[in-house]
Amino acid sequence: MIIIICGLPGVGKSTLAKYLAPVFNATILSSDKIRKELFPIPTYLPSELKVVYDVMIIIAKYLNDIGINCILDATFNREGSRTEVKKRLELDHIHIVECSCPEEIAISRLESRKDDYSDATISVYQKMKKIHEPVMVDHVTVDTTLAPEDNVRKIVDYISKRSM
């Protein structure tokens, strides 16, 4: 099983992934962590982003092929990027979780980040917000101002209904 967790910077994707992973015995593939492993001083150029997503997809495909669940933790800000992942993984069924919260909460979280893999700042949030495309396919949206355990229950319910 592959779960995509998407949303703008600071909305709580990585925190949610950490709570969700043990429930599904899943490995988390974080674009931020992969980027820092590949590019210790990232430039965030499109070519670099492509490499990060290519590596994430290769690892996810491998894990899925050997029966290991994984969670892809990245902004996946455009519908095309989410569709491409599904196509490249050659899977009909991927679960998409969209994280959201009020802008002031996301900005507060970005301001208080320390020792984090993400380099996202408020200006990155603003830039990403301008190009963000809504999720157009079947997905579940969670409000990350709620307790992570509540969101995990909502996601588990969503996935179990889709798997019937």
Protein backbone atom coordinates (compact mmCIF):
# COMPACT_ATOMS: atom_id res chain seq x y z
CA MET A 1 0.00 0.00 0.00
CA ILE A 2 1.20 3.49 -0.83
CA ILE A 3 -0.13 6.61 0.87
CA ILE A 4 0.66 10.06 -0.46
CA ILE A 5 0.57 12.81 2.15
CA CYS A 6 0.43 16.17 0.41
CA GLY A 7 -0.09 19.81 1.32
CA LEU A 8 1.62 23.15 1.61
CA PRO A 9 4.73 23.64 3.75
CA GLY A 10 4.03 23.83 7.48
CA VAL A 11 0.64 22.13 7.37
CA GLY A 12 1.81 19.10 9.34
CA LYS A 13 2.52 16.43 6.71
CA SER A 14 5.61 15.00 8.41
CA THR A 15 4.03 15.00 11.85
CA LEU A 16 0.98 13.17 10.51
CA ALA A 17 3.21 10.68 8.67
CA LYS A 18 5.00 9.85 11.93
CA TYR A 19 1.67 9.03 13.60
CA LEU A 20 0.30 7.15 10.61
CA ALA A 21 3.34 4.97 9.80
CA PRO A 22 3.08 2.60 12.80
CA VAL A 23 -0.63 2.00 12.14
CA PHE A 24 0.11 0.64 8.67
CA ASN A 25 3.60 -0.65 9.47
CA ALA A 26 4.80 1.74 6.76
CA THR A 27 8.12 3.27 5.87
CA ILE A 28 8.10 7.06 5.46
CA LEU A 29 9.78 8.47 2.37
CA SER A 30 10.26 12.18 3.00
CA SER A 31 11.17 14.42 0.08
CA ASP A 32 12.94 16.75 2.54
CA LYS A 33 15.12 13.95 3.94
CA ILE A 34 15.86 12.50 0.51
CA ARG A 35 16.79 15.97 -0.77
CA LYS A 36 19.25 16.54 2.09
CA GLU A 37 20.83 13.11 1.55
CA LEU A 38 21.30 13.75 -2.16
CA PHE A 39 22.06 17.48 -1.97
CA PRO A 40 23.51 18.59 1.39
CA ILE A 41 23.24 22.20 0.18
CA PRO A 42 20.10 22.11 -1.97
CA THR A 43 19.44 24.63 -4.72
CA TYR A 44 15.74 23.75 -5.18
CA LEU A 45 16.10 24.02 -8.93
CA PRO A 46 13.57 22.04 -11.01
CA SER A 47 16.27 19.57 -12.07
CA GLU A 48 17.08 18.88 -8.41
CA LEU A 49 13.39 18.46 -7.58
CA LYS A 50 13.07 15.94 -10.41
CA VAL A 51 15.94 13.87 -9.00
CA VAL A 52 14.40 13.92 -5.51
CA TYR A 53 11.01 12.76 -6.79
CA ASP A 54 12.63 10.17 -9.10
CA VAL A 55 14.50 8.65 -6.15
CA MET A 56 11.36 8.72 -3.99
CA ILE A 57 9.36 6.93 -6.69
CA ILE A 58 12.06 4.31 -7.31
CA ILE A 59 12.26 3.49 -3.60
CA ALA A 60 8.45 3.45 -3.24
CA LYS A 61 8.11 1.12 -6.23
CA TYR A 62 10.73 -1.23 -4.80
CA LEU A 63 9.13 -1.24 -1.34
CA ASN A 64 5.67 -1.81 -2.79
CA ASP A 65 6.95 -4.65 -4.99
CA ILE A 66 8.33 -6.48 -1.94
CA GLY A 67 5.19 -5.90 0.12
CA ILE A 68 6.33 -3.02 2.32
CA ASN A 69 3.81 -0.22 2.85
CA CYS A 70 5.13 3.29 2.40
CA ILE A 71 4.07 6.86 2.95
CA LEU A 72 5.27 9.52 0.52
CA ASP A 73 5.66 12.78 2.44
CA ALA A 74 5.97 15.71 0.03
CA THR A 75 4.05 18.78 -1.06
CA PHE A 76 2.85 17.20 -4.33
CA ASN A 77 1.56 20.69 -4.98
CA ARG A 78 0.24 20.08 -8.48
CA GLU A 79 -2.31 17.58 -9.73
CA GLY A 80 0.16 16.54 -12.43
CA SER A 81 2.76 15.53 -9.84
CA ARG A 82 0.25 13.35 -7.99
CA THR A 83 -0.94 11.77 -11.25
CA GLU A 84 2.64 11.15 -12.40
CA VAL A 85 3.47 9.29 -9.18
CA LYS A 86 0.50 7.00 -9.65
CA LYS A 87 1.41 6.40 -13.29
CA ARG A 88 5.11 5.78 -12.62
CA LEU A 89 4.36 3.40 -9.77
CA GLU A 90 2.09 1.49 -12.16
CA LEU A 91 -0.61 1.26 -9.50
CA ASP A 92 -4.31 1.80 -9.90
CA HIS A 93 -4.84 2.39 -6.22
CA ILE A 94 -2.94 4.96 -4.20
CA HIS A 95 -4.39 6.60 -1.11
CA ILE A 96 -4.06 10.39 -1.05
CA VAL A 97 -4.22 12.35 2.19
CA GLU A 98 -4.30 16.12 1.91
CA CYS A 99 -3.22 18.05 4.99
CA SER A 100 -4.60 21.50 5.64
CA CYS A 101 -4.72 24.08 8.39
CA PRO A 102 -5.30 27.83 8.63
CA GLU A 103 -2.50 29.88 7.08
CA GLU A 104 -1.57 31.54 10.37
CA ILE A 105 -0.98 28.11 11.94
CA ALA A 106 1.23 26.96 9.05
CA ILE A 107 3.22 30.20 9.23
CA SER A 108 3.62 29.85 13.00
CA ARG A 109 4.88 26.29 12.52
CA LEU A 110 7.35 27.42 9.85
CA GLU A 111 8.65 30.20 12.13
CA SER A 112 9.23 27.78 15.01
CA ARG A 113 11.04 25.03 13.08
CA LYS A 114 14.42 24.02 14.42
CA ASP A 115 16.73 21.15 13.44
CA ASP A 116 14.35 20.12 10.68
CA TYR A 117 15.10 18.59 7.28
CA SER A 118 12.80 21.11 5.64
CA ASP A 119 14.16 24.47 4.56
CA ALA A 120 10.68 25.86 3.86
CA THR A 121 10.18 29.44 4.96
CA ILE A 122 7.18 31.76 4.94
CA SER A 123 8.19 33.04 1.49
CA VAL A 124 8.35 29.42 0.22
CA TYR A 125 4.87 28.85 1.70
CA GLN A 126 3.54 31.98 -0.08
CA LYS A 127 5.12 30.93 -3.39
CA MET A 128 3.76 27.38 -3.12
CA LYS A 129 0.32 28.65 -2.15
CA LYS A 130 0.12 30.64 -5.41
CA ILE A 131 0.77 27.59 -7.56
CA HIS A 132 -1.09 25.03 -5.42
CA GLU A 133 -3.65 22.96 -7.30
CA PRO A 134 -6.48 21.24 -5.43
CA VAL A 135 -6.60 17.47 -5.31
CA MET A 136 -9.11 16.46 -7.98
CA VAL A 137 -9.15 12.69 -7.43
CA ASP A 138 -10.60 10.62 -4.60
CA HIS A 139 -8.78 11.59 -1.38
CA VAL A 140 -9.27 12.46 2.26
CA THR A 141 -8.51 15.89 3.69
CA VAL A 142 -7.48 16.25 7.30
CA ASP A 143 -7.33 19.36 9.46
CA THR A 144 -3.97 19.20 11.20
CA THR A 145 -5.10 21.52 13.97
CA LEU A 146 -6.95 18.47 15.30
CA ALA A 147 -5.21 15.80 17.37
CA PRO A 148 -3.04 13.54 15.19
CA GLU A 149 -4.81 10.49 16.63
CA ASP A 150 -8.16 11.83 15.38
CA ASN A 151 -6.74 12.34 11.90
CA VAL A 152 -5.21 8.86 11.92
CA ARG A 153 -8.64 7.39 12.75
CA LYS A 154 -10.20 9.37 9.89
CA ILE A 155 -7.52 8.13 7.46
CA VAL A 156 -7.83 4.51 8.62
CA ASP A 157 -11.60 4.72 8.11
CA TYR A 158 -11.13 6.24 4.64
CA ILE A 159 -8.60 3.57 3.58
CA SER A 160 -10.65 0.68 4.97
CA LYS A 161 -13.73 1.86 3.04
CA ARG A 162 -11.71 2.13 -0.19
CA SER A 163 -10.19 -1.31 0.30
CA MET A 164 -13.54 -3.11 0.51
